[in-house]
Amino acid sequence: MNKNNRHFLRPCAALCLATWLAMLAGAAYGESTLPRTEDGKPDMNGIWQTMNEANWHLEGGVARHAAMLREGPHGPLPAAEVLKLGAVIAVPPGPSVIKGGGPIPYKPAAQAKRRQLQANWVHQDPEVKCYLPGVPRATYMPYPMQIFQNPGDIVIAYQFAGAVRDIYFDDPGEAPIDTWMGWSHGRWEGDTLIVEVTGLNPGSWLDRTGTHHSDQMKVTERYTMAGPNRINYEATIEDPEVFEKPWTIQMPLYRRAEPGFVMLEFKCVEFVEELLFGEYRRKPLERP
């Protein structure tokens, strides 16, 4: 080895050693210094939010004219009901959040229903009417969520529509009725919080593409802290009436860390009263 090569290798060796030490320090951080509650569980208290396009399309895809389309002379164009919204309602591109990739494993009849719902998105999506978003959709809507955690007690509050759900650690039994936010039973496996959600109202969607389900859907969520400011989130979806097999979505949740950040109210029910009931006014306003 000549002298020039030795001089070149010395900084490379130093860089490799520094990189290895940094990786080792990161691994050690994950093992020992996660914030924890008084009972030793990872401390998830705080306000969290996703940074993805999952609420538009879980399967991902390229940008499109709108969430609701019609056939134009040279390809799809925005449907008349959303045309005036222009780029505001254009669908952004984004990656799939489905674990392992691939399409959602719909049964043929359920896939046909999905296409019908998507073609009538503005009239059918429960988000448009400010209905509670359901699980798992509440997690990846473009609004923050807040986790309140005490030993044996976790409540999650969502900004959209003021949705709230309790996670019961004592087995609450079968859901008494189906509700928009379902019936959540939690347990810990090591440092992962696992929540089984049943009793979900079949009117909720999983994204803006008509991704529907039946009253038989069960969602198994997994929350794993990957650091003080990130939670790795997974949700496995089972519904034998609608899907050929279970499938899983995955994404990180990030802590909102702006100084003094608080989750403000977004109770949108009053914003859609005209949409839902305006036609019943004594003197109805003009409608498009």
C-alpha atoms as a PDB file:
ATOM      1  CA  MET A   1       0.000   0.000   0.000  1.00  0.00           C
ATOM      2  CA  ASN A   2       1.531   3.340  -0.983  1.00  0.00           C
ATOM      3  CA  LYS A   3       1.731   6.400   1.268  1.00  0.00           C
ATOM      4  CA  ASN A   4      -1.107   8.263  -0.491  1.00  0.00           C
ATOM      5  CA  ASN A   5      -3.536   5.395   0.059  1.00  0.00           C
ATOM      6  CA  ARG A   6      -2.686   5.271   3.794  1.00  0.00           C
ATOM      7  CA  HIS A   7      -3.477   8.963   4.135  1.00  0.00           C
ATOM      8  CA  PHE A   8      -6.807   8.398   2.344  1.00  0.00           C
ATOM      9  CA  LEU A   9      -7.831   5.464   4.530  1.00  0.00           C
ATOM     10  CA  ARG A  10      -7.224   7.193   7.867  1.00  0.00           C
ATOM     11  CA  PRO A  11     -10.148   9.686   7.551  1.00  0.00           C
ATOM     12  CA  CYS A  12     -12.353   6.925   6.088  1.00  0.00           C
ATOM     13  CA  ALA A  13     -11.653   4.706   9.097  1.00  0.00           C
ATOM     14  CA  ALA A  14     -12.419   7.578  11.450  1.00  0.00           C
ATOM     15  CA  LEU A  15     -15.691   8.287   9.636  1.00  0.00           C
ATOM     16  CA  CYS A  16     -16.728   4.623   9.745  1.00  0.00           C
ATOM     17  CA  LEU A  17     -15.948   4.457  13.476  1.00  0.00           C
ATOM     18  CA  ALA A  18     -17.979   7.614  14.139  1.00  0.00           C
ATOM     19  CA  THR A  19     -20.914   6.248  12.139  1.00  0.00           C
ATOM     20  CA  TRP A  20     -20.789   2.938  14.018  1.00  0.00           C
ATOM     21  CA  LEU A  21     -20.692   4.698  17.383  1.00  0.00           C
ATOM     22  CA  ALA A  22     -23.639   6.898  16.394  1.00  0.00           C
ATOM     23  CA  MET A  23     -25.662   3.840  15.384  1.00  0.00           C
ATOM     24  CA  LEU A  24     -24.754   2.149  18.653  1.00  0.00           C
ATOM     25  CA  ALA A  25     -25.799   5.217  20.606  1.00  0.00           C
ATOM     26  CA  GLY A  26     -29.137   5.306  18.744  1.00  0.00           C
ATOM     27  CA  ALA A  27     -29.803   1.663  19.564  1.00  0.00           C
ATOM     28  CA  ALA A  28     -28.898   2.266  23.195  1.00  0.00           C
ATOM     29  CA  TYR A  29     -31.251   5.241  23.298  1.00  0.00           C
ATOM     30  CA  GLY A  30     -34.144   3.111  22.115  1.00  0.00           C
ATOM     31  CA  GLU A  31     -33.393   0.491  24.746  1.00  0.00           C
ATOM     32  CA  SER A  32     -32.893   2.588  27.839  1.00  0.00           C
ATOM     33  CA  THR A  33     -33.984   6.214  27.687  1.00  0.00           C
ATOM     34  CA  LEU A  34     -37.517   6.258  26.279  1.00  0.00           C
ATOM     35  CA  PRO A  35     -39.731   8.502  28.411  1.00  0.00           C
ATOM     36  CA  ARG A  36     -41.764   6.299  30.747  1.00  0.00           C
ATOM     37  CA  THR A  37     -44.730   6.638  33.049  1.00  0.00           C
ATOM     38  CA  GLU A  38     -44.598   5.722  36.727  1.00  0.00           C
ATOM     39  CA  ASP A  39     -45.575   2.115  35.936  1.00  0.00           C
ATOM     40  CA  GLY A  40     -42.626   1.738  33.544  1.00  0.00           C
ATOM     41  CA  LYS A  41     -44.591   1.866  30.283  1.00  0.00           C
ATOM     42  CA  PRO A  42     -43.469   4.093  27.394  1.00  0.00           C
ATOM     43  CA  ASP A  43     -44.895   7.562  27.978  1.00  0.00           C
ATOM     44  CA  MET A  44     -47.062   8.477  24.971  1.00  0.00           C
ATOM     45  CA  ASN A  45     -48.627  11.532  26.571  1.00  0.00           C
ATOM     46  CA  GLY A  46     -48.693  14.376  24.102  1.00  0.00           C
ATOM     47  CA  ILE A  47     -50.078  15.655  20.822  1.00  0.00           C
ATOM     48  CA  TRP A  48     -49.292  13.614  17.712  1.00  0.00           C
ATOM     49  CA  GLN A  49     -49.952  13.827  13.989  1.00  0.00           C
ATOM     50  CA  THR A  50     -49.148  11.929  10.803  1.00  0.00           C
ATOM     51  CA  MET A  51     -47.348  13.390   7.792  1.00  0.00           C
ATOM     52  CA  ASN A  52     -48.771  11.464   4.840  1.00  0.00           C
ATOM     53  CA  GLU A  53     -51.583  11.294   2.285  1.00  0.00           C
ATOM     54  CA  ALA A  54     -53.288   8.213   3.757  1.00  0.00           C
ATOM     55  CA  ASN A  55     -56.597   9.994   4.295  1.00  0.00           C
ATOM     56  CA  TRP A  56     -56.718  10.550   0.533  1.00  0.00           C
ATOM     57  CA  HIS A  57     -55.683   7.038  -0.495  1.00  0.00           C
ATOM     58  CA  LEU A  58     -54.280   4.218   1.633  1.00  0.00           C
ATOM     59  CA  GLU A  59     -53.008   2.449  -1.481  1.00  0.00           C
ATOM     60  CA  GLY A  60     -51.083   5.515  -2.620  1.00  0.00           C
ATOM     61  CA  GLY A  61     -50.904   6.735  -6.191  1.00  0.00           C
ATOM     62  CA  VAL A  62     -50.213   9.613  -8.520  1.00  0.00           C
ATOM     63  CA  ALA A  63     -51.900  13.000  -8.389  1.00  0.00           C
ATOM     64  CA  ARG A  64     -55.432  13.185  -9.800  1.00  0.00           C
ATOM     65  CA  HIS A  65     -57.779  15.993 -10.849  1.00  0.00           C
ATOM     66  CA  ALA A  66     -60.154  15.447  -7.936  1.00  0.00           C
ATOM     67  CA  ALA A  67     -61.500  12.919  -5.467  1.00  0.00           C
ATOM     68  CA  MET A  68     -64.587  12.625  -7.661  1.00  0.00           C
ATOM     69  CA  LEU A  69     -64.177  12.313 -11.441  1.00  0.00           C
ATOM     70  CA  ARG A  70     -66.183  12.078 -14.657  1.00  0.00           C
ATOM     71  CA  GLU A  71     -65.157  11.080 -18.152  1.00  0.00           C
ATOM     72  CA  GLY A  72     -63.928  13.967 -20.312  1.00  0.00           C
ATOM     73  CA  PRO A  73     -63.199  14.132 -24.031  1.00  0.00           C
ATOM     74  CA  HIS A  74     -59.560  13.163 -23.488  1.00  0.00           C
ATOM     75  CA  GLY A  75     -59.626  11.403 -20.112  1.00  0.00           C
ATOM     76  CA  PRO A  76     -60.982  11.881 -16.593  1.00  0.00           C
ATOM     77  CA  LEU A  77     -61.942  15.367 -15.394  1.00  0.00           C
ATOM     78  CA  PRO A  78     -63.362  16.698 -12.105  1.00  0.00           C
ATOM     79  CA  ALA A  79     -67.043  15.889 -11.576  1.00  0.00           C
ATOM     80  CA  ALA A  80     -69.379  18.849 -11.960  1.00  0.00           C
ATOM     81  CA  GLU A  81     -70.091  18.960  -8.192  1.00  0.00           C
ATOM     82  CA  VAL A  82     -66.427  19.688  -7.350  1.00  0.00           C
ATOM     83  CA  LEU A  83     -65.269  21.487 -10.499  1.00  0.00           C
ATOM     84  CA  LYS A  84     -65.235  24.977  -8.940  1.00  0.00           C
ATOM     85  CA  LEU A  85     -62.938  23.822  -6.151  1.00  0.00           C
ATOM     86  CA  GLY A  86     -60.096  23.456  -8.650  1.00  0.00           C
ATOM     87  CA  ALA A  87     -56.740  22.523  -7.139  1.00  0.00           C
ATOM     88  CA  VAL A  88     -58.146  22.636  -3.598  1.00  0.00           C
ATOM     89  CA  ILE A  89     -59.770  19.237  -4.133  1.00  0.00           C
ATOM     90  CA  ALA A  90     -57.037  17.809  -6.389  1.00  0.00           C
ATOM     91  CA  VAL A  91     -55.695  14.545  -4.984  1.00  0.00           C
ATOM     92  CA  PRO A  92     -52.013  14.774  -3.989  1.00  0.00           C
ATOM     93  CA  PRO A  93     -49.599  11.977  -4.877  1.00  0.00           C
ATOM     94  CA  GLY A  94     -48.397   9.757  -2.074  1.00  0.00           C
ATOM     95  CA  PRO A  95     -46.905   6.360  -1.255  1.00  0.00           C
ATOM     96  CA  SER A  96     -48.901   3.359  -0.126  1.00  0.00           C
ATOM     97  CA  VAL A  97     -49.139   2.822   3.626  1.00  0.00           C
ATOM     98  CA  ILE A  98     -50.155  -0.823   3.193  1.00  0.00           C
ATOM     99  CA  LYS A  99     -47.605  -3.159   4.723  1.00  0.00           C
ATOM    100  CA  GLY A 100     -46.007  -5.166   1.947  1.00  0.00           C
ATOM    101  CA  GLY A 101     -47.665  -3.027  -0.731  1.00  0.00           C
ATOM    102  CA  GLY A 102     -50.317  -4.282  -3.083  1.00  0.00           C
ATOM    103  CA  PRO A 103     -54.011  -3.413  -3.346  1.00  0.00           C
ATOM    104  CA  ILE A 104     -56.558  -3.683  -0.563  1.00  0.00           C
ATOM    105  CA  PRO A 105     -57.803  -7.307  -0.804  1.00  0.00           C
ATOM    106  CA  TYR A 106     -61.466  -6.566  -1.501  1.00  0.00           C
ATOM    107  CA  LYS A 107     -63.911  -9.288  -2.454  1.00  0.00           C
ATOM    108  CA  PRO A 108     -65.309  -8.665  -5.973  1.00  0.00           C
ATOM    109  CA  ALA A 109     -68.742  -7.399  -4.854  1.00  0.00           C
ATOM    110  CA  ALA A 110     -67.171  -5.149  -2.221  1.00  0.00           C
ATOM    111  CA  GLN A 111     -64.735  -3.751  -4.794  1.00  0.00           C
ATOM    112  CA  ALA A 112     -67.657  -2.899  -7.071  1.00  0.00           C
ATOM    113  CA  LYS A 113     -69.355  -1.105  -4.173  1.00  0.00           C
ATOM    114  CA  ARG A 114     -66.168   0.809  -3.501  1.00  0.00           C
ATOM    115  CA  ARG A 115     -66.031   2.071  -7.090  1.00  0.00           C
ATOM    116  CA  GLN A 116     -69.652   3.199  -6.804  1.00  0.00           C
ATOM    117  CA  LEU A 117     -68.964   5.053  -3.555  1.00  0.00           C
ATOM    118  CA  GLN A 118     -65.884   6.726  -4.997  1.00  0.00           C
ATOM    119  CA  ALA A 119     -67.829   7.895  -8.045  1.00  0.00           C
ATOM    120  CA  ASN A 120     -70.210   9.672  -5.642  1.00  0.00           C
ATOM    121  CA  TRP A 121     -67.571  10.789  -3.148  1.00  0.00           C
ATOM    122  CA  VAL A 122     -68.921  14.241  -2.283  1.00  0.00           C
ATOM    123  CA  HIS A 123     -72.357  12.759  -1.505  1.00  0.00           C
ATOM    124  CA  GLN A 124     -71.147   9.625   0.287  1.00  0.00           C
ATOM    125  CA  ASP A 125     -67.942  10.256   2.261  1.00  0.00           C
ATOM    126  CA  PRO A 126     -68.903  10.627   5.950  1.00  0.00           C
ATOM    127  CA  GLU A 127     -66.014  13.082   6.402  1.00  0.00           C
ATOM    128  CA  VAL A 128     -67.884  15.593   4.206  1.00  0.00           C
ATOM    129  CA  LYS A 129     -70.821  15.525   6.645  1.00  0.00           C
ATOM    130  CA  CYS A 130     -68.590  15.769   9.755  1.00  0.00           C
ATOM    131  CA  TYR A 131     -69.511  12.311  11.014  1.00  0.00           C
ATOM    132  CA  LEU A 132     -67.001  10.893  13.484  1.00  0.00           C
ATOM    133  CA  PRO A 133     -64.118   9.365  11.508  1.00  0.00           C
ATOM    134  CA  GLY A 134     -63.872   5.907  13.056  1.00  0.00           C
ATOM    135  CA  VAL A 135     -60.785   3.752  13.570  1.00  0.00           C
ATOM    136  CA  PRO A 136     -58.211   3.689  12.105  1.00  0.00           C
ATOM    137  CA  ARG A 137     -59.069   6.728   9.933  1.00  0.00           C
ATOM    138  CA  ALA A 138     -59.092   9.139  12.881  1.00  0.00           C
ATOM    139  CA  THR A 139     -55.363   8.493  13.312  1.00  0.00           C
ATOM    140  CA  TYR A 140     -54.244   9.710   9.871  1.00  0.00           C
ATOM    141  CA  MET A 141     -56.680  12.482   9.094  1.00  0.00           C
ATOM    142  CA  PRO A 142     -54.830  15.819   8.631  1.00  0.00           C
ATOM    143  CA  TYR A 143     -55.547  16.908  12.198  1.00  0.00           C
ATOM    144  CA  PRO A 144     -53.685  16.346  15.472  1.00  0.00           C
ATOM    145  CA  MET A 145     -54.663  13.834  18.139  1.00  0.00           C
ATOM    146  CA  GLN A 146     -53.816  13.867  21.843  1.00  0.00           C
ATOM    147  CA  ILE A 147     -52.995  10.870  24.010  1.00  0.00           C
ATOM    148  CA  PHE A 148     -53.752  11.077  27.730  1.00  0.00           C
ATOM    149  CA  GLN A 149     -51.999   8.197  29.511  1.00  0.00           C
ATOM    150  CA  ASN A 150     -52.073   7.093  33.126  1.00  0.00           C
ATOM    151  CA  PRO A 151     -51.293   3.654  34.540  1.00  0.00           C
ATOM    152  CA  GLY A 152     -54.104   1.413  33.324  1.00  0.00           C
ATOM    153  CA  ASP A 153     -55.964   4.253  31.621  1.00  0.00           C
ATOM    154  CA  ILE A 154     -55.575   5.788  28.154  1.00  0.00           C
ATOM    155  CA  VAL A 155     -57.870   8.253  26.387  1.00  0.00           C
ATOM    156  CA  ILE A 156     -57.290   9.500  22.827  1.00  0.00           C
ATOM    157  CA  ALA A 157     -58.878  12.781  21.737  1.00  0.00           C
ATOM    158  CA  TYR A 158     -58.972  13.806  18.071  1.00  0.00           C
ATOM    159  CA  GLN A 159     -59.308  17.340  16.779  1.00  0.00           C
ATOM    160  CA  PHE A 160     -61.645  16.408  13.911  1.00  0.00           C
ATOM    161  CA  ALA A 161     -65.254  16.616  15.102  1.00  0.00           C
ATOM    162  CA  GLY A 162     -64.159  16.407  18.759  1.00  0.00           C
ATOM    163  CA  ALA A 163     -63.902  12.604  18.533  1.00  0.00           C
ATOM    164  CA  VAL A 164     -62.802  10.810  21.722  1.00  0.00           C
ATOM    165  CA  ARG A 165     -62.314   7.188  22.698  1.00  0.00           C
ATOM    166  CA  ASP A 166     -61.407   5.365  25.886  1.00  0.00           C
ATOM    167  CA  ILE A 167     -59.076   2.369  25.797  1.00  0.00           C
ATOM    168  CA  TYR A 168     -60.206  -0.155  28.412  1.00  0.00           C
ATOM    169  CA  PHE A 169     -57.556  -2.410  29.923  1.00  0.00           C
ATOM    170  CA  ASP A 170     -59.999  -4.491  31.938  1.00  0.00           C
ATOM    171  CA  ASP A 171     -61.850  -6.598  29.366  1.00  0.00           C
ATOM    172  CA  PRO A 172     -65.022  -4.582  28.660  1.00  0.00           C
ATOM    173  CA  GLY A 173     -66.745  -7.511  26.960  1.00  0.00           C
ATOM    174  CA  GLU A 174     -68.651  -7.225  23.719  1.00  0.00           C
ATOM    175  CA  ALA A 175     -69.618  -3.782  22.444  1.00  0.00           C
ATOM    176  CA  PRO A 176     -73.215  -3.043  23.501  1.00  0.00           C
ATOM    177  CA  ILE A 177     -73.898  -1.212  20.212  1.00  0.00           C
ATOM    178  CA  ASP A 178     -71.951  -0.205  17.115  1.00  0.00           C
ATOM    179  CA  THR A 179     -70.566   3.334  17.308  1.00  0.00           C
ATOM    180  CA  TRP A 180     -68.462   5.553  15.048  1.00  0.00           C
ATOM    181  CA  MET A 181     -65.355   5.231  17.245  1.00  0.00           C
ATOM    182  CA  GLY A 182     -65.901   1.625  18.254  1.00  0.00           C
ATOM    183  CA  TRP A 183     -65.092  -0.306  21.425  1.00  0.00           C
ATOM    184  CA  SER A 184     -61.374  -0.389  22.352  1.00  0.00           C
ATOM    185  CA  HIS A 185     -59.701  -3.038  24.514  1.00  0.00           C
ATOM    186  CA  GLY A 186     -55.989  -2.453  25.228  1.00  0.00           C
ATOM    187  CA  ARG A 187     -53.091  -4.491  26.545  1.00  0.00           C
ATOM    188  CA  TRP A 188     -49.312  -4.166  26.638  1.00  0.00           C
ATOM    189  CA  GLU A 189     -46.909  -6.598  25.017  1.00  0.00           C
ATOM    190  CA  GLY A 190     -43.506  -5.412  26.204  1.00  0.00           C
ATOM    191  CA  ASP A 191     -43.263  -1.780  25.140  1.00  0.00           C
ATOM    192  CA  THR A 192     -45.979  -2.051  22.470  1.00  0.00           C
ATOM    193  CA  LEU A 193     -49.528  -0.940  23.196  1.00  0.00           C
ATOM    194  CA  ILE A 194     -51.999  -3.232  21.412  1.00  0.00           C
ATOM    195  CA  VAL A 195     -55.600  -2.110  21.039  1.00  0.00           C
ATOM    196  CA  GLU A 196     -58.373  -4.317  19.618  1.00  0.00           C
ATOM    197  CA  VAL A 197     -61.271  -2.275  18.247  1.00  0.00           C
ATOM    198  CA  THR A 198     -64.687  -3.776  17.481  1.00  0.00           C
ATOM    199  CA  GLY A 199     -68.265  -2.511  17.377  1.00  0.00           C
ATOM    200  CA  LEU A 200     -67.495  -0.033  14.577  1.00  0.00           C
ATOM    201  CA  ASN A 201     -70.321   1.664  12.697  1.00  0.00           C
ATOM    202  CA  PRO A 202     -70.286   0.310   9.110  1.00  0.00           C
ATOM    203  CA  GLY A 203     -70.951   3.825   7.792  1.00  0.00           C
ATOM    204  CA  SER A 204     -67.366   4.951   8.336  1.00  0.00           C
ATOM    205  CA  TRP A 205     -64.785   4.938   5.545  1.00  0.00           C
ATOM    206  CA  LEU A 206     -61.043   4.291   5.779  1.00  0.00           C
ATOM    207  CA  ASP A 207     -60.023   6.962   3.244  1.00  0.00           C
ATOM    208  CA  ARG A 208     -61.474   9.217   0.524  1.00  0.00           C
ATOM    209  CA  THR A 209     -61.561   6.485  -2.146  1.00  0.00           C
ATOM    210  CA  GLY A 210     -64.675   4.748  -0.839  1.00  0.00           C
ATOM    211  CA  THR A 211     -62.730   2.253   1.274  1.00  0.00           C
ATOM    212  CA  HIS A 212     -65.666   0.831   3.202  1.00  0.00           C
ATOM    213  CA  HIS A 213     -66.245  -2.050   5.620  1.00  0.00           C
ATOM    214  CA  SER A 214     -69.056  -3.943   7.326  1.00  0.00           C
ATOM    215  CA  ASP A 215     -70.133  -4.173  10.968  1.00  0.00           C
ATOM    216  CA  GLN A 216     -67.879  -7.239  11.241  1.00  0.00           C
ATOM    217  CA  MET A 217     -64.649  -5.256  10.946  1.00  0.00           C
ATOM    218  CA  LYS A 218     -62.058  -5.693  13.681  1.00  0.00           C
ATOM    219  CA  VAL A 219     -59.038  -3.390  13.881  1.00  0.00           C
ATOM    220  CA  THR A 220     -55.929  -4.368  15.857  1.00  0.00           C
ATOM    221  CA  GLU A 221     -53.704  -1.357  16.471  1.00  0.00           C
ATOM    222  CA  ARG A 222     -50.068  -1.383  17.588  1.00  0.00           C
ATOM    223  CA  TYR A 223     -48.383   1.702  19.061  1.00  0.00           C
ATOM    224  CA  THR A 224     -44.605   1.384  19.541  1.00  0.00           C
ATOM    225  CA  MET A 225     -42.477   4.356  20.609  1.00  0.00           C
ATOM    226  CA  ALA A 226     -39.365   4.722  18.448  1.00  0.00           C
ATOM    227  CA  GLY A 227     -38.049   7.748  20.351  1.00  0.00           C
ATOM    228  CA  PRO A 228     -39.395  10.648  22.398  1.00  0.00           C
ATOM    229  CA  ASN A 229     -41.009  12.258  19.350  1.00  0.00           C
ATOM    230  CA  ARG A 230     -42.136   9.317  17.200  1.00  0.00           C
ATOM    231  CA  ILE A 231     -44.586   6.446  17.518  1.00  0.00           C
ATOM    232  CA  ASN A 232     -44.618   3.645  14.978  1.00  0.00           C
ATOM    233  CA  TYR A 233     -48.280   2.886  14.289  1.00  0.00           C
ATOM    234  CA  GLU A 234     -49.756  -0.239  12.705  1.00  0.00           C
ATOM    235  CA  ALA A 235     -53.369  -1.295  12.235  1.00  0.00           C
ATOM    236  CA  THR A 236     -54.426  -4.734  11.023  1.00  0.00           C
ATOM    237  CA  ILE A 237     -57.884  -4.790   9.474  1.00  0.00           C
ATOM    238  CA  GLU A 238     -60.044  -7.909   9.391  1.00  0.00           C
ATOM    239  CA  ASP A 239     -63.510  -8.114   7.871  1.00  0.00           C
ATOM    240  CA  PRO A 240     -64.527 -11.494   6.400  1.00  0.00           C
ATOM    241  CA  GLU A 241     -67.622  -9.981   4.763  1.00  0.00           C
ATOM    242  CA  VAL A 242     -65.645  -7.430   2.751  1.00  0.00           C
ATOM    243  CA  PHE A 243     -61.984  -8.494   2.463  1.00  0.00           C
ATOM    244  CA  GLU A 244     -60.397 -11.678   1.175  1.00  0.00           C
ATOM    245  CA  LYS A 245     -57.840 -11.629   4.008  1.00  0.00           C
ATOM    246  CA  PRO A 246     -56.553  -9.380   6.808  1.00  0.00           C
ATOM    247  CA  TRP A 247     -54.278  -6.511   5.779  1.00  0.00           C
ATOM    248  CA  THR A 248     -52.138  -4.014   7.650  1.00  0.00           C
ATOM    249  CA  ILE A 249     -51.305  -0.333   7.339  1.00  0.00           C
ATOM    250  CA  GLN A 250     -48.256   1.265   8.941  1.00  0.00           C
ATOM    251  CA  MET A 251     -46.998   4.813   9.422  1.00  0.00           C
ATOM    252  CA  PRO A 252     -45.172   6.996  11.959  1.00  0.00           C
ATOM    253  CA  LEU A 253     -46.889   9.487  14.243  1.00  0.00           C
ATOM    254  CA  TYR A 254     -44.859  12.603  15.087  1.00  0.00           C
ATOM    255  CA  ARG A 255     -45.041  14.736  18.206  1.00  0.00           C
ATOM    256  CA  ARG A 256     -46.216  18.323  17.669  1.00  0.00           C
ATOM    257  CA  ALA A 257     -43.330  20.146  19.257  1.00  0.00           C
ATOM    258  CA  GLU A 258     -44.085  23.822  18.588  1.00  0.00           C
ATOM    259  CA  PRO A 259     -43.669  25.828  21.804  1.00  0.00           C
ATOM    260  CA  GLY A 260     -46.983  26.166  23.578  1.00  0.00           C
ATOM    261  CA  PHE A 261     -48.840  24.037  21.021  1.00  0.00           C
ATOM    262  CA  VAL A 262     -52.311  22.982  22.155  1.00  0.00           C
ATOM    263  CA  MET A 263     -55.020  21.071  20.322  1.00  0.00           C
ATOM    264  CA  LEU A 264     -57.803  23.508  19.493  1.00  0.00           C
ATOM    265  CA  GLU A 265     -61.439  22.656  18.812  1.00  0.00           C
ATOM    266  CA  PHE A 266     -62.643  21.703  15.353  1.00  0.00           C
ATOM    267  CA  LYS A 267     -66.282  20.840  16.014  1.00  0.00           C
ATOM    268  CA  CYS A 268     -67.412  20.885  12.418  1.00  0.00           C
ATOM    269  CA  VAL A 269     -71.041  19.847  12.954  1.00  0.00           C
ATOM    270  CA  GLU A 270     -72.235  23.446  12.788  1.00  0.00           C
ATOM    271  CA  PHE A 271     -70.256  23.953   9.572  1.00  0.00           C
ATOM    272  CA  VAL A 272     -72.352  21.341   7.724  1.00  0.00           C
ATOM    273  CA  GLU A 273     -75.805  22.262   9.037  1.00  0.00           C
ATOM    274  CA  GLU A 274     -76.555  24.172   5.848  1.00  0.00           C
ATOM    275  CA  LEU A 275     -75.403  21.219   3.742  1.00  0.00           C
ATOM    276  CA  LEU A 276     -77.520  18.704   5.645  1.00  0.00           C
ATOM    277  CA  PHE A 277     -80.582  20.728   6.615  1.00  0.00           C
ATOM    278  CA  GLY A 278     -80.542  23.964   4.603  1.00  0.00           C
ATOM    279  CA  GLU A 279     -83.200  22.736   2.204  1.00  0.00           C
ATOM    280  CA  TYR A 280     -85.661  22.622   5.123  1.00  0.00           C
ATOM    281  CA  ARG A 281     -85.458  26.362   5.814  1.00  0.00           C
ATOM    282  CA  ARG A 282     -88.685  28.284   5.491  1.00  0.00           C
ATOM    283  CA  LYS A 283     -86.931  30.197   2.712  1.00  0.00           C
ATOM    284  CA  PRO A 284     -84.086  27.948   1.505  1.00  0.00           C
ATOM    285  CA  LEU A 285     -80.947  29.626   0.224  1.00  0.00           C
ATOM    286  CA  GLU A 286     -79.823  29.002  -3.314  1.00  0.00           C
ATOM    287  CA  ARG A 287     -78.080  25.639  -3.672  1.00  0.00           C
ATOM    288  CA  PRO A 288     -75.660  24.638  -6.438  1.00  0.00           C
END
